[in-house]
Amino acid sequence: TTTIVSFSTDHEARADFGPYTPGFEIVPYGDLTALDRAMTENTVAVLLEPIQGEAGVLVPPAGYLAGVRELTRARNVLFVADEIQSGLGRTGRTFACEHEGVVPDMYVLGKALGGGVVPVSAVVSSAEILGVFRPGEHGSTFGGNPLACAVALEVVAMLRTGEFQRRAAELGEHLHHELGLLVGGGAVEAVRGRGLWAGVDIAPSLGTGREISERLMDRGVLVKDTHGSTIRIAPPLVIDREDLDWGLEQLRAVLGV
């Protein structure tokens, strides 16, 4: 946990913790030139979210992930994709990196891997890379247990059918179309995201992200606030269109549009 907050730029997550783990260089998200300049002969890996979740569902510029893959391969540096939030069908593909045809050297997975039932996380890579760890050298009390691993295996089996990726892509297109209609009317300033995942910037005059989230909760809809007046919408991948439309109706009612 201390190491994770060491490379966070979120004041709420980082402030008053420490001592921090050294060795991390923060690079502006989506800026290939800055990433290239930051890399040295001692750079071990580039770790990033293919879509930033906590920051407000920020989608990088087109070609960014492919550019990162090219840079890291040229420098013999690992490309590590944090797909804890974006992975496993959420964006309409199994992994968000697939939207640019990119395969990183390593995935970090969690959340959806437990099917929303049990906590489990995973680091996925090749034997060549993970083979640097030998039994007993490194482990995690959060890495899984027989029940969590059984659930995770079932999640992987369900994803093999492609059904949930297709649902996320199709319903996500509908979600973003409806949210896009709200932009420019004074209530919503911007909408971002992919698949069944959206970041919505609400006009600050209507309330903070927390306040909007609480008003939606009162109407039976759960969303997550983030910085300022931004909310994040992440419907379950099994949602049907009628329930999705009902949720959108509640958002429109809260915004008064």
C-alpha atoms as a PDB file:
ATOM      1  CA  THR A   1       0.000   0.000   0.000  1.00  0.00           C
ATOM      2  CA  THR A   2       2.807   2.419   0.857  1.00  0.00           C
ATOM      3  CA  THR A   3       4.470   1.724  -2.481  1.00  0.00           C
ATOM      4  CA  ILE A   4       1.225   2.292  -4.377  1.00  0.00           C
ATOM      5  CA  VAL A   5       0.610   5.697  -2.763  1.00  0.00           C
ATOM      6  CA  SER A   6       4.270   6.530  -3.431  1.00  0.00           C
ATOM      7  CA  PHE A   7       3.542   6.915  -7.142  1.00  0.00           C
ATOM      8  CA  SER A   8       0.075   8.405  -6.731  1.00  0.00           C
ATOM      9  CA  THR A   9      -0.631  12.046  -7.494  1.00  0.00           C
ATOM     10  CA  ASP A  10      -3.958  11.939  -5.638  1.00  0.00           C
ATOM     11  CA  HIS A  11      -3.555  14.204  -2.604  1.00  0.00           C
ATOM     12  CA  GLU A  12      -6.279  12.408  -0.639  1.00  0.00           C
ATOM     13  CA  ALA A  13      -4.618   9.035  -1.160  1.00  0.00           C
ATOM     14  CA  ARG A  14      -1.052  10.211  -0.572  1.00  0.00           C
ATOM     15  CA  ALA A  15      -1.095  13.000   2.020  1.00  0.00           C
ATOM     16  CA  ASP A  16       0.123  12.158   5.532  1.00  0.00           C
ATOM     17  CA  PHE A  17       1.381   8.684   4.576  1.00  0.00           C
ATOM     18  CA  GLY A  18       4.970   7.616   4.150  1.00  0.00           C
ATOM     19  CA  PRO A  19       7.865   7.195   4.106  1.00  0.00           C
ATOM     20  CA  TYR A  20       7.436   6.844   0.361  1.00  0.00           C
ATOM     21  CA  THR A  21       9.119   4.225  -1.800  1.00  0.00           C
ATOM     22  CA  PRO A  22      11.672   5.888  -4.119  1.00  0.00           C
ATOM     23  CA  GLY A  23      12.342   5.189  -7.768  1.00  0.00           C
ATOM     24  CA  PHE A  24       9.142   6.336  -9.466  1.00  0.00           C
ATOM     25  CA  GLU A  25       8.991   9.004 -12.169  1.00  0.00           C
ATOM     26  CA  ILE A  26       5.545  10.526 -12.780  1.00  0.00           C
ATOM     27  CA  VAL A  27       4.883  11.298 -16.454  1.00  0.00           C
ATOM     28  CA  PRO A  28       1.875  13.243 -17.810  1.00  0.00           C
ATOM     29  CA  TYR A  29      -0.791  10.828 -19.037  1.00  0.00           C
ATOM     30  CA  GLY A  30      -1.170  10.624 -22.800  1.00  0.00           C
ATOM     31  CA  ASP A  31       2.125  12.411 -23.535  1.00  0.00           C
ATOM     32  CA  LEU A  32       4.435  10.131 -25.535  1.00  0.00           C
ATOM     33  CA  THR A  33       7.137  12.774 -25.845  1.00  0.00           C
ATOM     34  CA  ALA A  34       7.314  13.209 -22.065  1.00  0.00           C
ATOM     35  CA  LEU A  35       7.440   9.435 -21.603  1.00  0.00           C
ATOM     36  CA  ASP A  36      10.300   9.106 -24.085  1.00  0.00           C
ATOM     37  CA  ARG A  37      12.268  11.847 -22.309  1.00  0.00           C
ATOM     38  CA  ALA A  38      11.683  10.281 -18.885  1.00  0.00           C
ATOM     39  CA  MET A  39      13.027   6.857 -19.862  1.00  0.00           C
ATOM     40  CA  THR A  40      16.682   6.088 -19.123  1.00  0.00           C
ATOM     41  CA  GLU A  41      18.935   3.038 -19.277  1.00  0.00           C
ATOM     42  CA  ASN A  42      17.790   2.271 -15.716  1.00  0.00           C
ATOM     43  CA  THR A  43      14.059   2.314 -16.489  1.00  0.00           C
ATOM     44  CA  VAL A  44      12.547  -1.045 -15.583  1.00  0.00           C
ATOM     45  CA  ALA A  45       8.936  -0.633 -16.645  1.00  0.00           C
ATOM     46  CA  VAL A  46       6.180   1.724 -17.687  1.00  0.00           C
ATOM     47  CA  LEU A  47       3.047   1.210 -15.591  1.00  0.00           C
ATOM     48  CA  LEU A  48      -0.208   2.845 -16.680  1.00  0.00           C
ATOM     49  CA  GLU A  49      -3.958   2.449 -16.876  1.00  0.00           C
ATOM     50  CA  PRO A  50      -5.126   2.150 -20.514  1.00  0.00           C
ATOM     51  CA  ILE A  51      -8.106   4.200 -19.313  1.00  0.00           C
ATOM     52  CA  GLN A  52      -7.673   6.092 -16.066  1.00  0.00           C
ATOM     53  CA  GLY A  53     -10.477   5.206 -13.675  1.00  0.00           C
ATOM     54  CA  GLU A  54     -10.000   7.179 -10.473  1.00  0.00           C
ATOM     55  CA  ALA A  55      -9.049  10.244 -12.513  1.00  0.00           C
ATOM     56  CA  GLY A  56     -12.529  10.278 -14.079  1.00  0.00           C
ATOM     57  CA  VAL A  57     -12.520   7.643 -16.846  1.00  0.00           C
ATOM     58  CA  LEU A  58      -9.880   9.437 -18.907  1.00  0.00           C
ATOM     59  CA  VAL A  59      -9.325   7.894 -22.334  1.00  0.00           C
ATOM     60  CA  PRO A  60      -5.838   8.561 -23.755  1.00  0.00           C
ATOM     61  CA  PRO A  61      -5.322  10.099 -27.211  1.00  0.00           C
ATOM     62  CA  ALA A  62      -5.672   7.704 -30.146  1.00  0.00           C
ATOM     63  CA  GLY A  63      -2.393   5.923 -30.789  1.00  0.00           C
ATOM     64  CA  TYR A  64      -1.010   6.510 -27.299  1.00  0.00           C
ATOM     65  CA  LEU A  65      -1.040   2.885 -26.140  1.00  0.00           C
ATOM     66  CA  ALA A  66       0.470   1.716 -29.429  1.00  0.00           C
ATOM     67  CA  GLY A  67       3.146   4.375 -29.020  1.00  0.00           C
ATOM     68  CA  VAL A  68       3.917   3.205 -25.483  1.00  0.00           C
ATOM     69  CA  ARG A  69       4.220  -0.352 -26.768  1.00  0.00           C
ATOM     70  CA  GLU A  70       6.643   0.775 -29.477  1.00  0.00           C
ATOM     71  CA  LEU A  71       8.765   2.832 -27.075  1.00  0.00           C
ATOM     72  CA  THR A  72       9.005   0.130 -24.435  1.00  0.00           C
ATOM     73  CA  ARG A  73       9.868  -2.544 -26.957  1.00  0.00           C
ATOM     74  CA  ALA A  74      12.597  -0.362 -28.482  1.00  0.00           C
ATOM     75  CA  ARG A  75      14.078   0.335 -25.020  1.00  0.00           C
ATOM     76  CA  ASN A  76      13.677  -3.251 -23.741  1.00  0.00           C
ATOM     77  CA  VAL A  77      11.424  -1.962 -20.960  1.00  0.00           C
ATOM     78  CA  LEU A  78       8.365  -3.759 -19.600  1.00  0.00           C
ATOM     79  CA  PHE A  79       4.933  -2.375 -20.432  1.00  0.00           C
ATOM     80  CA  VAL A  80       2.649  -3.059 -17.462  1.00  0.00           C
ATOM     81  CA  ALA A  81      -1.070  -2.381 -17.944  1.00  0.00           C
ATOM     82  CA  ASP A  82      -3.174  -1.794 -14.838  1.00  0.00           C
ATOM     83  CA  GLU A  83      -6.493  -3.202 -16.063  1.00  0.00           C
ATOM     84  CA  ILE A  84      -8.020  -3.614 -12.595  1.00  0.00           C
ATOM     85  CA  GLN A  85     -10.878  -1.295 -13.517  1.00  0.00           C
ATOM     86  CA  SER A  86     -10.802  -1.303 -17.317  1.00  0.00           C
ATOM     87  CA  GLY A  87     -10.250  -5.007 -17.896  1.00  0.00           C
ATOM     88  CA  LEU A  88     -12.397  -8.130 -18.218  1.00  0.00           C
ATOM     89  CA  GLY A  89     -15.112  -6.864 -20.533  1.00  0.00           C
ATOM     90  CA  ARG A  90     -15.863  -3.439 -19.071  1.00  0.00           C
ATOM     91  CA  THR A  91     -14.937  -1.436 -22.195  1.00  0.00           C
ATOM     92  CA  GLY A  92     -16.385  -3.824 -24.767  1.00  0.00           C
ATOM     93  CA  ARG A  93     -13.168  -5.804 -25.142  1.00  0.00           C
ATOM     94  CA  THR A  94     -11.601  -8.295 -22.760  1.00  0.00           C
ATOM     95  CA  PHE A  95      -8.857  -5.744 -22.109  1.00  0.00           C
ATOM     96  CA  ALA A  96      -8.933  -2.019 -22.853  1.00  0.00           C
ATOM     97  CA  CYS A  97      -5.514  -2.327 -24.499  1.00  0.00           C
ATOM     98  CA  GLU A  98      -7.180  -4.317 -27.280  1.00  0.00           C
ATOM     99  CA  HIS A  99      -8.845  -1.168 -28.608  1.00  0.00           C
ATOM    100  CA  GLU A 100      -5.425  -0.290 -30.063  1.00  0.00           C
ATOM    101  CA  GLY A 101      -4.353  -3.844 -30.821  1.00  0.00           C
ATOM    102  CA  VAL A 102      -1.782  -3.691 -28.028  1.00  0.00           C
ATOM    103  CA  VAL A 103      -0.566  -6.590 -25.883  1.00  0.00           C
ATOM    104  CA  PRO A 104       1.459  -5.401 -22.865  1.00  0.00           C
ATOM    105  CA  ASP A 105       4.109  -7.491 -21.134  1.00  0.00           C
ATOM    106  CA  MET A 106       2.045  -7.715 -17.978  1.00  0.00           C
ATOM    107  CA  TYR A 107      -1.545  -7.214 -16.814  1.00  0.00           C
ATOM    108  CA  VAL A 108      -2.584  -6.323 -13.283  1.00  0.00           C
ATOM    109  CA  LEU A 109      -6.121  -7.580 -12.653  1.00  0.00           C
ATOM    110  CA  GLY A 110      -8.666  -7.546  -9.833  1.00  0.00           C
ATOM    111  CA  LYS A 111     -12.203  -6.420  -8.988  1.00  0.00           C
ATOM    112  CA  ALA A 112     -14.190  -8.045 -11.818  1.00  0.00           C
ATOM    113  CA  LEU A 113     -11.953 -11.107 -11.605  1.00  0.00           C
ATOM    114  CA  GLY A 114     -13.905 -12.086  -8.485  1.00  0.00           C
ATOM    115  CA  GLY A 115     -17.230 -11.643 -10.241  1.00  0.00           C
ATOM    116  CA  GLY A 116     -18.246  -8.971  -7.767  1.00  0.00           C
ATOM    117  CA  VAL A 117     -18.488 -11.701  -5.121  1.00  0.00           C
ATOM    118  CA  VAL A 118     -15.051 -12.373  -3.635  1.00  0.00           C
ATOM    119  CA  PRO A 119     -11.802 -10.372  -3.438  1.00  0.00           C
ATOM    120  CA  VAL A 120      -9.071 -11.693  -5.697  1.00  0.00           C
ATOM    121  CA  SER A 121      -6.278 -10.108  -7.711  1.00  0.00           C
ATOM    122  CA  ALA A 122      -3.773 -11.378 -10.256  1.00  0.00           C
ATOM    123  CA  VAL A 123      -0.600 -10.458 -12.079  1.00  0.00           C
ATOM    124  CA  VAL A 124      -0.590 -12.029 -15.533  1.00  0.00           C
ATOM    125  CA  SER A 125       2.503 -12.352 -17.697  1.00  0.00           C
ATOM    126  CA  SER A 126       4.791 -14.808 -19.427  1.00  0.00           C
ATOM    127  CA  ALA A 127       6.832 -17.482 -17.688  1.00  0.00           C
ATOM    128  CA  GLU A 128       9.959 -15.650 -18.804  1.00  0.00           C
ATOM    129  CA  ILE A 129       8.988 -12.546 -16.816  1.00  0.00           C
ATOM    130  CA  LEU A 130       7.214 -14.066 -13.828  1.00  0.00           C
ATOM    131  CA  GLY A 131       9.909 -16.725 -13.623  1.00  0.00           C
ATOM    132  CA  VAL A 132      12.231 -14.233 -11.931  1.00  0.00           C
ATOM    133  CA  PHE A 133      10.199 -14.941  -8.776  1.00  0.00           C
ATOM    134  CA  ARG A 134      10.796 -18.357  -7.241  1.00  0.00           C
ATOM    135  CA  PRO A 135       8.567 -20.114  -4.682  1.00  0.00           C
ATOM    136  CA  GLY A 136       8.768 -18.398  -1.310  1.00  0.00           C
ATOM    137  CA  GLU A 137      10.356 -15.186  -2.581  1.00  0.00           C
ATOM    138  CA  HIS A 138       7.198 -13.146  -3.039  1.00  0.00           C
ATOM    139  CA  GLY A 139       3.543 -13.580  -2.219  1.00  0.00           C
ATOM    140  CA  SER A 140       0.306 -11.896  -1.261  1.00  0.00           C
ATOM    141  CA  THR A 141      -2.325 -12.550   1.371  1.00  0.00           C
ATOM    142  CA  PHE A 142      -4.764 -10.968  -1.114  1.00  0.00           C
ATOM    143  CA  GLY A 143      -3.632 -13.143  -3.984  1.00  0.00           C
ATOM    144  CA  GLY A 144      -6.443 -15.652  -3.675  1.00  0.00           C
ATOM    145  CA  ASN A 145      -7.798 -18.673  -1.847  1.00  0.00           C
ATOM    146  CA  PRO A 146      -9.551 -21.826  -3.102  1.00  0.00           C
ATOM    147  CA  LEU A 147     -12.996 -20.180  -3.278  1.00  0.00           C
ATOM    148  CA  ALA A 148     -11.736 -16.930  -4.848  1.00  0.00           C
ATOM    149  CA  CYS A 149      -9.659 -18.829  -7.396  1.00  0.00           C
ATOM    150  CA  ALA A 150     -12.624 -21.037  -8.334  1.00  0.00           C
ATOM    151  CA  VAL A 151     -14.756 -17.935  -8.902  1.00  0.00           C
ATOM    152  CA  ALA A 152     -11.971 -16.296 -10.927  1.00  0.00           C
ATOM    153  CA  LEU A 153     -11.661 -19.360 -13.156  1.00  0.00           C
ATOM    154  CA  GLU A 154     -15.415 -19.248 -13.782  1.00  0.00           C
ATOM    155  CA  VAL A 155     -15.181 -15.540 -14.688  1.00  0.00           C
ATOM    156  CA  VAL A 156     -12.443 -16.347 -17.203  1.00  0.00           C
ATOM    157  CA  ALA A 157     -14.572 -19.145 -18.664  1.00  0.00           C
ATOM    158  CA  MET A 158     -17.565 -16.800 -19.024  1.00  0.00           C
ATOM    159  CA  LEU A 159     -15.425 -14.202 -20.777  1.00  0.00           C
ATOM    160  CA  ARG A 160     -14.238 -16.794 -23.308  1.00  0.00           C
ATOM    161  CA  THR A 161     -17.707 -16.787 -24.856  1.00  0.00           C
ATOM    162  CA  GLY A 162     -17.406 -13.108 -25.762  1.00  0.00           C
ATOM    163  CA  GLU A 163     -21.011 -12.519 -24.670  1.00  0.00           C
ATOM    164  CA  PHE A 164     -20.219  -9.934 -22.017  1.00  0.00           C
ATOM    165  CA  GLN A 165     -17.762  -8.045 -24.186  1.00  0.00           C
ATOM    166  CA  ARG A 166     -20.450  -7.780 -26.883  1.00  0.00           C
ATOM    167  CA  ARG A 167     -23.049  -6.635 -24.348  1.00  0.00           C
ATOM    168  CA  ALA A 168     -20.698  -3.978 -23.001  1.00  0.00           C
ATOM    169  CA  ALA A 169     -19.927  -2.731 -26.504  1.00  0.00           C
ATOM    170  CA  GLU A 170     -23.561  -2.608 -27.672  1.00  0.00           C
ATOM    171  CA  LEU A 171     -25.105  -1.211 -24.502  1.00  0.00           C
ATOM    172  CA  GLY A 172     -22.109   1.070 -24.087  1.00  0.00           C
ATOM    173  CA  GLU A 173     -22.790   2.622 -27.474  1.00  0.00           C
ATOM    174  CA  HIS A 174     -26.344   3.333 -26.326  1.00  0.00           C
ATOM    175  CA  LEU A 175     -25.131   4.677 -22.964  1.00  0.00           C
ATOM    176  CA  HIS A 176     -22.673   7.101 -24.552  1.00  0.00           C
ATOM    177  CA  HIS A 177     -25.188   8.237 -27.157  1.00  0.00           C
ATOM    178  CA  GLU A 178     -27.711   9.119 -24.445  1.00  0.00           C
ATOM    179  CA  LEU A 179     -25.103  10.805 -22.254  1.00  0.00           C
ATOM    180  CA  GLY A 180     -23.780  12.731 -25.244  1.00  0.00           C
ATOM    181  CA  LEU A 181     -27.216  14.279 -25.742  1.00  0.00           C
ATOM    182  CA  LEU A 182     -26.844  15.930 -22.329  1.00  0.00           C
ATOM    183  CA  VAL A 183     -23.654  17.784 -23.270  1.00  0.00           C
ATOM    184  CA  GLY A 184     -24.064  21.442 -24.117  1.00  0.00           C
ATOM    185  CA  GLY A 185     -27.354  21.981 -22.337  1.00  0.00           C
ATOM    186  CA  GLY A 186     -25.794  23.564 -19.282  1.00  0.00           C
ATOM    187  CA  ALA A 187     -25.951  20.517 -16.994  1.00  0.00           C
ATOM    188  CA  VAL A 188     -23.203  18.280 -18.431  1.00  0.00           C
ATOM    189  CA  GLU A 189     -19.888  19.679 -19.627  1.00  0.00           C
ATOM    190  CA  ALA A 190     -18.254  16.523 -21.015  1.00  0.00           C
ATOM    191  CA  VAL A 191     -18.614  12.760 -21.272  1.00  0.00           C
ATOM    192  CA  ARG A 192     -15.793  10.235 -21.727  1.00  0.00           C
ATOM    193  CA  GLY A 193     -15.311   6.504 -21.667  1.00  0.00           C
ATOM    194  CA  ARG A 194     -15.712   3.235 -23.527  1.00  0.00           C
ATOM    195  CA  GLY A 195     -18.241   0.451 -23.296  1.00  0.00           C
ATOM    196  CA  LEU A 196     -20.256   0.327 -20.092  1.00  0.00           C
ATOM    197  CA  TRP A 197     -18.016   2.873 -18.415  1.00  0.00           C
ATOM    198  CA  ALA A 198     -18.409   6.629 -18.480  1.00  0.00           C
ATOM    199  CA  GLY A 199     -17.022   9.688 -16.771  1.00  0.00           C
ATOM    200  CA  VAL A 200     -19.502  12.558 -16.686  1.00  0.00           C
ATOM    201  CA  ASP A 201     -18.425  16.114 -15.858  1.00  0.00           C
ATOM    202  CA  ILE A 202     -21.401  17.817 -14.225  1.00  0.00           C
ATOM    203  CA  ALA A 203     -21.675  21.615 -14.216  1.00  0.00           C
ATOM    204  CA  PRO A 204     -20.229  22.680 -10.828  1.00  0.00           C
ATOM    205  CA  SER A 205     -23.256  24.928 -10.230  1.00  0.00           C
ATOM    206  CA  LEU A 206     -25.385  21.773  -9.861  1.00  0.00           C
ATOM    207  CA  GLY A 207     -23.241  20.298  -7.096  1.00  0.00           C
ATOM    208  CA  THR A 208     -20.119  18.287  -6.390  1.00  0.00           C
ATOM    209  CA  GLY A 209     -19.652  14.768  -7.650  1.00  0.00           C
ATOM    210  CA  ARG A 210     -20.401  13.500  -4.153  1.00  0.00           C
ATOM    211  CA  GLU A 211     -23.625  15.494  -3.955  1.00  0.00           C
ATOM    212  CA  ILE A 212     -24.805  14.269  -7.361  1.00  0.00           C
ATOM    213  CA  SER A 213     -23.949  10.696  -6.361  1.00  0.00           C
ATOM    214  CA  GLU A 214     -25.986  10.979  -3.166  1.00  0.00           C
ATOM    215  CA  ARG A 215     -28.988  12.382  -5.040  1.00  0.00           C
ATOM    216  CA  LEU A 216     -28.794   9.468  -7.467  1.00  0.00           C
ATOM    217  CA  MET A 217     -28.492   7.023  -4.575  1.00  0.00           C
ATOM    218  CA  ASP A 218     -31.734   8.405  -3.161  1.00  0.00           C
ATOM    219  CA  ARG A 219     -33.345   7.454  -6.483  1.00  0.00           C
ATOM    220  CA  GLY A 220     -31.911   3.932  -6.499  1.00  0.00           C
ATOM    221  CA  VAL A 221     -28.858   4.445  -8.703  1.00  0.00           C
ATOM    222  CA  LEU A 222     -25.301   3.925  -7.449  1.00  0.00           C
ATOM    223  CA  VAL A 223     -22.458   5.811  -9.120  1.00  0.00           C
ATOM    224  CA  LYS A 224     -19.022   6.842  -7.881  1.00  0.00           C
ATOM    225  CA  ASP A 225     -17.838  10.415  -7.566  1.00  0.00           C
ATOM    226  CA  THR A 226     -14.311  11.521  -8.322  1.00  0.00           C
ATOM    227  CA  HIS A 227     -12.552  14.874  -8.466  1.00  0.00           C
ATOM    228  CA  GLY A 228     -14.664  18.029  -8.571  1.00  0.00           C
ATOM    229  CA  SER A 229     -18.102  17.518 -10.084  1.00  0.00           C
ATOM    230  CA  THR A 230     -17.284  14.355 -12.018  1.00  0.00           C
ATOM    231  CA  ILE A 231     -19.178  11.101 -11.556  1.00  0.00           C
ATOM    232  CA  ARG A 232     -18.312   7.673 -12.906  1.00  0.00           C
ATOM    233  CA  ILE A 233     -20.978   5.360 -14.263  1.00  0.00           C
ATOM    234  CA  ALA A 234     -20.196   1.632 -14.447  1.00  0.00           C
ATOM    235  CA  PRO A 235     -23.360  -0.480 -14.835  1.00  0.00           C
ATOM    236  CA  PRO A 236     -23.058  -4.236 -14.295  1.00  0.00           C
ATOM    237  CA  LEU A 237     -22.239  -6.092 -17.499  1.00  0.00           C
ATOM    238  CA  VAL A 238     -25.433  -8.146 -17.090  1.00  0.00           C
ATOM    239  CA  ILE A 239     -27.702  -5.071 -17.106  1.00  0.00           C
ATOM    240  CA  ASP A 240     -30.513  -4.999 -19.657  1.00  0.00           C
ATOM    241  CA  ARG A 241     -31.381  -1.996 -21.789  1.00  0.00           C
ATOM    242  CA  GLU A 242     -34.573  -1.224 -19.872  1.00  0.00           C
ATOM    243  CA  ASP A 243     -32.735  -0.926 -16.565  1.00  0.00           C
ATOM    244  CA  LEU A 244     -30.003   1.122 -18.213  1.00  0.00           C
ATOM    245  CA  ASP A 245     -32.602   3.525 -19.600  1.00  0.00           C
ATOM    246  CA  TRP A 246     -34.265   3.751 -16.191  1.00  0.00           C
ATOM    247  CA  GLY A 247     -30.916   4.713 -14.647  1.00  0.00           C
ATOM    248  CA  LEU A 248     -30.427   7.377 -17.296  1.00  0.00           C
ATOM    249  CA  GLU A 249     -33.878   8.735 -16.498  1.00  0.00           C
ATOM    250  CA  GLN A 250     -32.847   9.132 -12.869  1.00  0.00           C
ATOM    251  CA  LEU A 251     -29.723  11.014 -13.933  1.00  0.00           C
ATOM    252  CA  ARG A 252     -31.750  13.355 -16.105  1.00  0.00           C
ATOM    253  CA  ALA A 253     -34.171  13.949 -13.192  1.00  0.00           C
ATOM    254  CA  VAL A 254     -31.325  14.781 -10.810  1.00  0.00           C
ATOM    255  CA  LEU A 255     -29.823  17.181 -13.361  1.00  0.00           C
ATOM    256  CA  GLY A 256     -33.182  18.740 -14.106  1.00  0.00           C
ATOM    257  CA  VAL A 257     -33.008  18.128 -17.856  1.00  0.00           C
END
